[in-house]
Amino acid sequence: MILDNIIGPARPVTWILQFWPILAGSFAGSLGATWLCKKIAVKFGIVDRPDDLVKTHKEPIAYLGGIGMLVGLTVGVLAGISCLRNEDFFSPALKWLLGILAGGAIACFVGLADDVFDIKPKQKFAGQIVAAVILLLVGIVPNLYRIADPLNLPMSHNLETILSIFIVIFFVLGATNSLNLLDGLDGLCAGVTAIITIAMLLLSIHLATWGFSEVGDPVRIIICLGLVGGVCGFLPFNRYPAKIFMGDAGSMLLGFMVAALMILFAEQVPRWWLASIVVFGLPILDTAVALVRRLLNHRPLFVSDRGHIYDQMIDRGIPLKKTVAISYVLAGAYAVIGLVMSQIRTRYAAVVYVLVFVVSGLVVWRKGYLKMEGLRGAIRKED
């Protein structure tokens, strides 16, 4: 039975209880820091102003929510480090945790620079690549040999190194920009990220009970708990009607952290890596729809518009709160599919994953979400 394999013999599920300070600390830190960031943003005029095209809120809203989440995440990771200080694997785990935190801080401050100074897209990409390099430097890379070996594919050390660099950068760029595109409605990006991270936490706990990785197991759990706490501490201020936005600082931070988690799931067996990618399915779908729609309608790929799936729901008369709720359900559906399919053989799960995204694409096409007209065609030039 599939259920018989959920809990492994290596560690009891209660093993995770020792990490409760991470969730509590990250939530409290994010809650307090977000409140303070809102005050600072209003005082110094660091606000997101409506433009009646892409930004359709009625009045200026404070930025800096991403900094609040970064503070909460930092508190959580430091609490996690404290929980591990007496473990034999403390040194490698410390290197990974500090590397992920450093990369997340870089991504966050690059996003903050864009929020405040409206930097050029190529500068944002450069900053995201620097954050990705931090993961490479601390050794967080996919284990491509474990993927190539069962397929009898040759994989030299040099080839594995080159491909690992490309994959890590691709995942960081992809996840950070996907969540940036998803950050368009009050509570949407933060709530979806919380759902995704909770699913990854469940997957991490499952792997930990089987002793999947001495270092990777606690690192994944610490990052998941810190991220959930940080996002949930921010959400009370960001739910409709939002009092503060996360801005690019927040969406890039969240995207980087999720990218790091997905790469951590590629530490050994590809099954878990594929599952984590499907758990991230809604941001992938929204980004793919945005790019395909712009290509089909001969629009610039990197110019903002109001044609995202959630924007089109609003344009079709679905209230904002209901649109966000539907998005949560969709994110939850992808998460459940990823979790359930992680328990079957990779070859069969891969077929299901392909079918899921094919069906998703067909639904998007049949419902007309690839068209670009009216408000959905509104664009804003980037410098």
Protein backbone atom coordinates (compact mmCIF):
# COMPACT_ATOMS: atom_id res chain seq x y z
CA MET A 1 0.00 0.00 0.00
CA ILE A 2 1.13 3.54 -0.77
CA LEU A 3 0.17 4.72 2.72
CA ASP A 4 2.54 2.20 4.27
CA ASN A 5 5.49 4.10 2.81
CA ILE A 6 4.57 7.56 4.08
CA ILE A 7 6.25 7.21 7.48
CA GLY A 8 9.74 5.73 7.43
CA PRO A 9 11.68 3.90 10.15
CA ALA A 10 14.68 6.27 10.41
CA ARG A 11 13.03 9.08 12.40
CA PRO A 12 9.63 9.47 14.10
CA VAL A 13 7.32 12.21 12.84
CA THR A 14 7.64 13.86 16.26
CA TRP A 15 11.29 14.57 15.36
CA ILE A 16 10.06 17.76 13.71
CA LEU A 17 8.69 19.12 16.98
CA GLN A 18 12.17 20.20 18.06
CA PHE A 19 12.03 22.84 15.31
CA TRP A 20 8.97 24.68 16.66
CA PRO A 21 11.05 27.82 17.54
CA ILE A 22 11.65 28.30 13.80
CA LEU A 23 7.97 28.67 12.96
CA ALA A 24 7.23 30.80 16.02
CA GLY A 25 10.26 33.02 15.57
CA SER A 26 9.80 33.58 11.84
CA PHE A 27 6.11 34.39 12.27
CA ALA A 28 6.66 36.82 15.14
CA GLY A 29 9.67 38.41 13.44
CA SER A 30 7.82 38.87 10.15
CA LEU A 31 4.68 40.19 11.84
CA GLY A 32 6.58 42.81 13.82
CA ALA A 33 8.98 43.74 11.03
CA THR A 34 6.18 44.10 8.45
CA TRP A 35 4.28 46.44 10.78
CA LEU A 36 7.43 48.53 11.23
CA CYS A 37 8.23 48.48 7.49
CA LYS A 38 4.74 49.79 6.74
CA LYS A 39 5.35 52.76 9.05
CA ILE A 40 8.75 53.46 7.47
CA ALA A 41 7.43 53.16 3.91
CA VAL A 42 4.59 55.60 4.55
CA LYS A 43 6.88 58.08 6.29
CA PHE A 44 9.45 58.14 3.48
CA GLY A 45 7.02 57.80 0.59
CA ILE A 46 8.16 54.33 -0.50
CA VAL A 47 4.80 53.43 -1.99
CA ASP A 48 3.32 51.76 -5.05
CA ARG A 49 1.25 54.34 -6.92
CA PRO A 50 -1.68 53.35 -9.17
CA ASP A 51 -1.37 53.94 -12.92
CA ASP A 52 -4.82 52.77 -14.15
CA LEU A 53 -3.15 50.26 -16.48
CA VAL A 54 -1.22 47.53 -14.70
CA LYS A 55 -1.49 48.92 -11.16
CA THR A 56 -5.21 49.33 -10.63
CA HIS A 57 -5.41 49.84 -6.85
CA LYS A 58 -7.14 53.08 -5.88
CA GLU A 59 -4.50 54.73 -3.70
CA PRO A 60 -0.76 54.49 -2.96
CA ILE A 61 0.14 51.39 -0.94
CA ALA A 62 3.28 50.99 1.17
CA TYR A 63 6.12 48.85 -0.13
CA LEU A 64 8.87 47.12 1.94
CA GLY A 65 6.81 44.03 2.83
CA GLY A 66 9.63 41.93 1.40
CA ILE A 67 12.01 43.31 4.01
CA GLY A 68 9.56 42.30 6.74
CA MET A 69 9.49 38.73 5.43
CA LEU A 70 13.30 38.69 5.16
CA VAL A 71 13.58 39.65 8.82
CA GLY A 72 11.15 36.88 9.81
CA LEU A 73 12.94 34.33 7.64
CA THR A 74 16.30 35.33 9.13
CA VAL A 75 14.98 34.91 12.67
CA GLY A 76 13.62 31.49 11.72
CA VAL A 77 16.85 30.27 10.10
CA LEU A 78 18.91 31.47 13.07
CA ALA A 79 16.53 29.60 15.38
CA GLY A 80 17.02 26.53 13.20
CA ILE A 81 20.78 26.86 13.43
CA SER A 82 20.45 26.99 17.20
CA CYS A 83 18.40 23.76 17.13
CA LEU A 84 21.18 21.99 15.18
CA ARG A 85 24.21 23.30 17.06
CA ASN A 86 24.91 19.99 18.86
CA GLU A 87 24.48 17.74 15.80
CA ASP A 88 27.41 15.99 14.11
CA PHE A 89 26.41 17.38 10.71
CA PHE A 90 26.21 20.97 12.02
CA SER A 91 29.03 22.40 9.85
CA PRO A 92 27.73 21.37 6.40
CA ALA A 93 24.16 22.24 7.39
CA LEU A 94 25.32 25.64 8.64
CA LYS A 95 27.06 26.31 5.32
CA TRP A 96 23.92 25.47 3.35
CA LEU A 97 21.61 27.46 5.60
CA LEU A 98 23.78 30.58 5.60
CA GLY A 99 24.28 30.27 1.84
CA ILE A 100 20.53 30.09 1.20
CA LEU A 101 19.91 33.00 3.57
CA ALA A 102 22.64 35.08 1.91
CA GLY A 103 21.28 34.36 -1.56
CA GLY A 104 17.78 35.23 -0.41
CA ALA A 105 19.01 38.53 1.04
CA ILE A 106 20.73 39.40 -2.26
CA ALA A 107 17.56 38.62 -4.23
CA CYS A 108 15.50 40.66 -1.77
CA PHE A 109 17.72 43.75 -1.96
CA VAL A 110 17.91 43.57 -5.75
CA GLY A 111 14.12 43.59 -5.74
CA LEU A 112 14.13 46.48 -3.25
CA ALA A 113 16.39 48.45 -5.60
CA ASP A 114 13.81 47.91 -8.34
CA ASP A 115 10.96 48.97 -6.04
CA VAL A 116 12.71 52.20 -5.07
CA PHE A 117 14.78 53.10 -8.14
CA ASP A 118 13.02 51.14 -10.94
CA ILE A 119 16.19 49.47 -12.24
CA LYS A 120 16.44 47.90 -15.70
CA PRO A 121 15.42 44.25 -16.28
CA LYS A 122 18.98 43.23 -17.18
CA GLN A 123 20.18 44.59 -13.83
CA LYS A 124 17.54 42.53 -12.03
CA PHE A 125 18.60 39.43 -13.94
CA ALA A 126 22.23 40.09 -13.04
CA GLY A 127 21.33 40.33 -9.35
CA GLN A 128 19.34 37.10 -9.52
CA ILE A 129 22.30 35.35 -11.13
CA VAL A 130 24.57 36.56 -8.31
CA ALA A 131 22.10 35.07 -5.81
CA ALA A 132 22.16 31.78 -7.76
CA VAL A 133 25.95 31.73 -7.67
CA ILE A 134 25.79 31.71 -3.86
CA LEU A 135 23.97 28.38 -4.01
CA LEU A 136 26.66 27.03 -6.31
CA LEU A 137 29.43 28.22 -4.00
CA VAL A 138 27.99 26.43 -0.96
CA GLY A 139 27.42 23.23 -2.93
CA ILE A 140 23.64 23.28 -3.40
CA VAL A 141 23.37 21.66 -6.83
CA PRO A 142 21.26 18.88 -8.38
CA ASN A 143 22.68 15.36 -8.38
CA LEU A 144 22.57 14.84 -12.14
CA TYR A 145 24.50 11.60 -11.97
CA ARG A 146 21.58 9.92 -10.19
CA ILE A 147 19.35 11.00 -13.07
CA ALA A 148 21.71 10.03 -15.88
CA ASP A 149 22.87 6.68 -14.50
CA PRO A 150 19.52 4.79 -14.67
CA LEU A 151 19.09 6.06 -18.23
CA ASN A 152 22.59 4.87 -19.19
CA LEU A 153 23.57 8.39 -20.22
CA PRO A 154 27.26 9.34 -20.08
CA MET A 155 27.91 12.02 -17.47
CA SER A 156 31.47 13.21 -16.96
CA HIS A 157 32.35 15.39 -14.00
CA ASN A 158 32.92 18.44 -16.20
CA LEU A 159 29.60 17.99 -17.99
CA GLU A 160 27.79 17.54 -14.70
CA THR A 161 29.38 20.74 -13.37
CA ILE A 162 28.41 22.78 -16.43
CA LEU A 163 24.85 21.46 -16.45
CA SER A 164 24.51 22.04 -12.70
CA ILE A 165 25.49 25.68 -13.09
CA PHE A 166 22.97 26.16 -15.88
CA ILE A 167 20.17 24.38 -13.97
CA VAL A 168 20.69 26.30 -10.72
CA ILE A 169 20.68 29.65 -12.54
CA PHE A 170 17.65 28.60 -14.60
CA PHE A 171 15.68 27.57 -11.51
CA VAL A 172 16.50 30.77 -9.64
CA LEU A 173 15.63 33.00 -12.60
CA GLY A 174 12.50 31.00 -13.33
CA ALA A 175 11.12 30.86 -9.79
CA THR A 176 11.92 34.48 -8.86
CA ASN A 177 10.33 35.87 -11.99
CA SER A 178 7.35 33.48 -11.83
CA LEU A 179 6.42 34.65 -8.35
CA ASN A 180 7.09 38.23 -9.39
CA LEU A 181 4.50 37.82 -12.17
CA LEU A 182 2.07 36.20 -9.73
CA ASP A 183 2.24 39.16 -7.35
CA GLY A 184 -0.72 41.06 -8.78
CA LEU A 185 -3.57 40.82 -6.27
CA ASP A 186 -3.85 41.34 -2.52
CA GLY A 187 -2.71 38.20 -0.72
CA LEU A 188 -2.23 36.19 -3.92
CA CYS A 189 1.52 35.60 -4.16
CA ALA A 190 2.02 35.25 -0.40
CA GLY A 191 -0.88 32.83 0.02
CA VAL A 192 0.12 30.68 -2.96
CA THR A 193 3.71 30.59 -1.69
CA ALA A 194 2.48 29.46 1.73
CA ILE A 195 0.51 26.60 0.13
CA ILE A 196 3.50 25.56 -1.99
CA THR A 197 5.87 25.68 0.98
CA ILE A 198 3.53 23.70 3.25
CA ALA A 199 3.40 20.98 0.57
CA MET A 200 7.20 21.00 0.37
CA LEU A 201 7.33 20.81 4.17
CA LEU A 202 5.16 17.68 4.11
CA LEU A 203 7.43 16.19 1.47
CA SER A 204 10.48 17.11 3.59
CA ILE A 205 9.00 15.46 6.69
CA HIS A 206 8.28 12.32 4.68
CA LEU A 207 11.88 12.17 3.46
CA ALA A 208 13.22 12.88 6.95
CA THR A 209 11.38 9.88 8.44
CA TRP A 210 13.17 7.71 5.89
CA GLY A 211 16.57 9.25 6.63
CA PHE A 212 16.85 10.49 3.04
CA SER A 213 19.79 12.83 3.80
CA GLU A 214 21.59 13.56 7.04
CA VAL A 215 22.22 17.19 6.05
CA GLY A 216 19.48 17.86 3.53
CA ASP A 217 16.58 16.69 5.71
CA PRO A 218 16.97 19.27 8.50
CA VAL A 219 17.97 22.03 6.07
CA ARG A 220 14.81 21.53 4.01
CA ILE A 221 12.61 21.52 7.10
CA ILE A 222 14.26 24.65 8.53
CA ILE A 223 13.86 26.58 5.29
CA CYS A 224 10.25 25.44 4.88
CA LEU A 225 9.27 26.36 8.44
CA GLY A 226 11.07 29.71 8.23
CA LEU A 227 9.40 30.52 4.92
CA VAL A 228 5.91 29.53 6.08
CA GLY A 229 6.27 31.60 9.23
CA GLY A 230 7.66 34.59 7.36
CA VAL A 231 4.86 34.55 4.78
CA CYS A 232 2.10 34.03 7.35
CA GLY A 233 3.44 36.92 9.42
CA PHE A 234 3.17 39.14 6.34
CA LEU A 235 -0.27 37.97 5.12
CA PRO A 236 -2.40 39.79 7.75
CA PHE A 237 -1.14 43.08 6.31
CA ASN A 238 -1.36 41.98 2.68
CA ARG A 239 -4.78 40.34 2.46
CA TYR A 240 -7.58 42.37 0.88
CA PRO A 241 -7.62 45.33 1.31
CA ALA A 242 -3.81 45.32 1.44
CA LYS A 243 -2.05 47.71 3.78
CA ILE A 244 1.40 46.87 2.40
CA PHE A 245 2.79 45.17 -0.71
CA MET A 246 5.74 42.79 -0.80
CA GLY A 247 7.05 44.46 -3.98
CA ASP A 248 9.81 42.92 -6.06
CA ALA A 249 11.82 42.62 -2.84
CA GLY A 250 9.30 40.11 -1.50
CA SER A 251 8.49 38.20 -4.67
CA MET A 252 12.18 37.78 -5.55
CA LEU A 253 12.96 36.65 -2.00
CA LEU A 254 10.15 34.07 -2.05
CA GLY A 255 11.06 32.91 -5.54
CA PHE A 256 14.70 32.41 -4.61
CA MET A 257 13.82 30.44 -1.47
CA VAL A 258 11.44 28.14 -3.36
CA ALA A 259 14.08 27.65 -6.07
CA ALA A 260 16.62 26.67 -3.41
CA LEU A 261 14.14 24.16 -1.98
CA MET A 262 13.49 22.59 -5.39
CA ILE A 263 17.23 22.16 -5.95
CA LEU A 264 17.58 20.63 -2.48
CA PHE A 265 14.98 18.04 -3.50
CA ALA A 266 17.30 17.10 -6.38
CA GLU A 267 19.95 15.97 -3.91
CA GLN A 268 19.51 12.25 -4.69
CA VAL A 269 16.52 10.60 -6.37
CA PRO A 270 14.83 12.57 -9.22
CA ARG A 271 11.34 11.54 -8.01
CA TRP A 272 11.31 14.19 -5.30
CA TRP A 273 12.69 16.86 -7.60
CA LEU A 274 9.88 16.29 -10.10
CA ALA A 275 7.31 16.32 -7.30
CA SER A 276 8.56 19.68 -6.00
CA ILE A 277 8.37 21.17 -9.51
CA VAL A 278 4.74 20.08 -9.88
CA VAL A 279 3.97 21.49 -6.42
CA PHE A 280 5.15 24.81 -7.90
CA GLY A 281 2.69 24.26 -10.77
CA LEU A 282 0.49 27.37 -10.54
CA PRO A 283 3.32 29.94 -10.89
CA ILE A 284 4.74 27.83 -13.75
CA LEU A 285 1.35 27.79 -15.49
CA ASP A 286 0.79 31.53 -15.07
CA THR A 287 4.27 32.36 -16.38
CA ALA A 288 3.91 30.01 -19.35
CA VAL A 289 0.51 31.51 -20.20
CA ALA A 290 1.94 35.04 -20.01
CA LEU A 291 4.87 34.25 -22.30
CA VAL A 292 2.85 32.25 -24.84
CA ARG A 293 0.11 34.88 -24.90
CA ARG A 294 2.60 37.66 -25.56
CA LEU A 295 4.28 35.65 -28.30
CA LEU A 296 0.98 34.83 -30.01
CA ASN A 297 -0.16 38.44 -29.83
CA HIS A 298 3.20 39.88 -30.93
CA ARG A 299 3.77 41.74 -27.66
CA PRO A 300 7.10 42.32 -25.88
CA LEU A 301 7.93 39.42 -23.57
CA PHE A 302 9.23 41.55 -20.72
CA VAL A 303 6.67 44.35 -20.65
CA SER A 304 4.01 44.31 -17.93
CA ASP A 305 0.36 43.79 -18.84
CA ARG A 306 -2.92 42.77 -17.25
CA GLY A 307 -3.36 39.49 -19.06
CA HIS A 308 -2.38 37.08 -16.29
CA ILE A 309 -4.85 34.36 -15.40
CA TYR A 310 -5.92 36.18 -12.24
CA ASP A 311 -6.28 39.49 -14.13
CA GLN A 312 -8.53 37.82 -16.68
CA MET A 313 -10.68 36.40 -13.90
CA ILE A 314 -11.16 39.93 -12.57
CA ASP A 315 -11.96 41.25 -16.06
CA ARG A 316 -14.58 38.51 -16.44
CA GLY A 317 -16.43 39.74 -13.38
CA ILE A 318 -15.06 37.43 -10.68
CA PRO A 319 -14.57 39.42 -7.43
CA LEU A 320 -11.01 39.88 -6.20
CA LYS A 321 -11.41 37.80 -3.05
CA LYS A 322 -13.00 34.96 -5.01
CA THR A 323 -10.24 35.13 -7.62
CA VAL A 324 -7.62 34.78 -4.88
CA ALA A 325 -9.55 31.89 -3.34
CA ILE A 326 -9.75 30.11 -6.72
CA SER A 327 -5.99 30.60 -7.13
CA TYR A 328 -5.42 29.07 -3.70
CA VAL A 329 -7.50 26.04 -4.72
CA LEU A 330 -5.53 25.66 -7.95
CA ALA A 331 -2.23 25.94 -6.07
CA GLY A 332 -3.50 23.34 -3.60
CA ALA A 333 -4.51 21.01 -6.43
CA TYR A 334 -1.03 21.09 -7.98
CA ALA A 335 0.46 20.58 -4.50
CA VAL A 336 -1.70 17.51 -3.84
CA ILE A 337 -0.85 16.03 -7.24
CA GLY A 338 2.86 16.50 -6.57
CA LEU A 339 2.61 14.94 -3.11
CA VAL A 340 0.56 11.94 -4.20
CA MET A 341 2.64 11.25 -7.32
CA SER A 342 5.84 11.40 -5.27
CA GLN A 343 4.81 8.05 -3.83
CA ILE A 344 4.81 6.12 -7.13
CA ARG A 345 7.61 5.14 -9.50
CA THR A 346 9.21 8.04 -11.35
CA ARG A 347 8.39 6.74 -14.83
CA TYR A 348 4.67 6.55 -14.05
CA ALA A 349 4.61 9.84 -12.16
CA ALA A 350 6.31 11.60 -15.07
CA VAL A 351 3.50 10.51 -17.40
CA VAL A 352 0.91 11.90 -14.99
CA TYR A 353 2.84 15.18 -14.67
CA VAL A 354 2.92 15.61 -18.44
CA LEU A 355 -0.81 14.93 -18.65
CA VAL A 356 -1.51 17.45 -15.88
CA PHE A 357 0.30 20.28 -17.68
CA VAL A 358 -1.16 19.31 -21.07
CA VAL A 359 -4.68 19.38 -19.63
CA SER A 360 -3.91 22.68 -17.91
CA GLY A 361 -2.74 24.16 -21.21
CA LEU A 362 -5.84 22.92 -23.04
CA VAL A 363 -8.14 24.44 -20.42
CA VAL A 364 -6.31 27.77 -20.67
CA TRP A 365 -6.63 27.70 -24.46
CA ARG A 366 -10.30 26.67 -24.54
CA LYS A 367 -11.24 29.34 -21.98
CA GLY A 368 -9.62 32.06 -24.10
CA TYR A 369 -6.87 33.00 -21.67
CA LEU A 370 -4.36 33.33 -24.51
CA LYS A 371 -6.24 36.22 -26.09
CA MET A 372 -5.16 39.80 -25.52
CA GLU A 373 -7.80 42.49 -25.74
CA GLY A 374 -9.30 45.39 -23.79
CA LEU A 375 -7.67 45.86 -20.41
CA ARG A 376 -5.80 42.61 -20.95
CA GLY A 377 -3.83 44.37 -23.66
CA ALA A 378 -2.72 47.24 -21.44
CA ILE A 379 1.04 47.47 -21.27
CA ARG A 380 3.55 49.54 -19.38
CA LYS A 381 6.92 50.36 -20.87
CA GLU A 382 10.01 49.40 -18.91
CA ASP A 383 13.04 51.67 -18.94
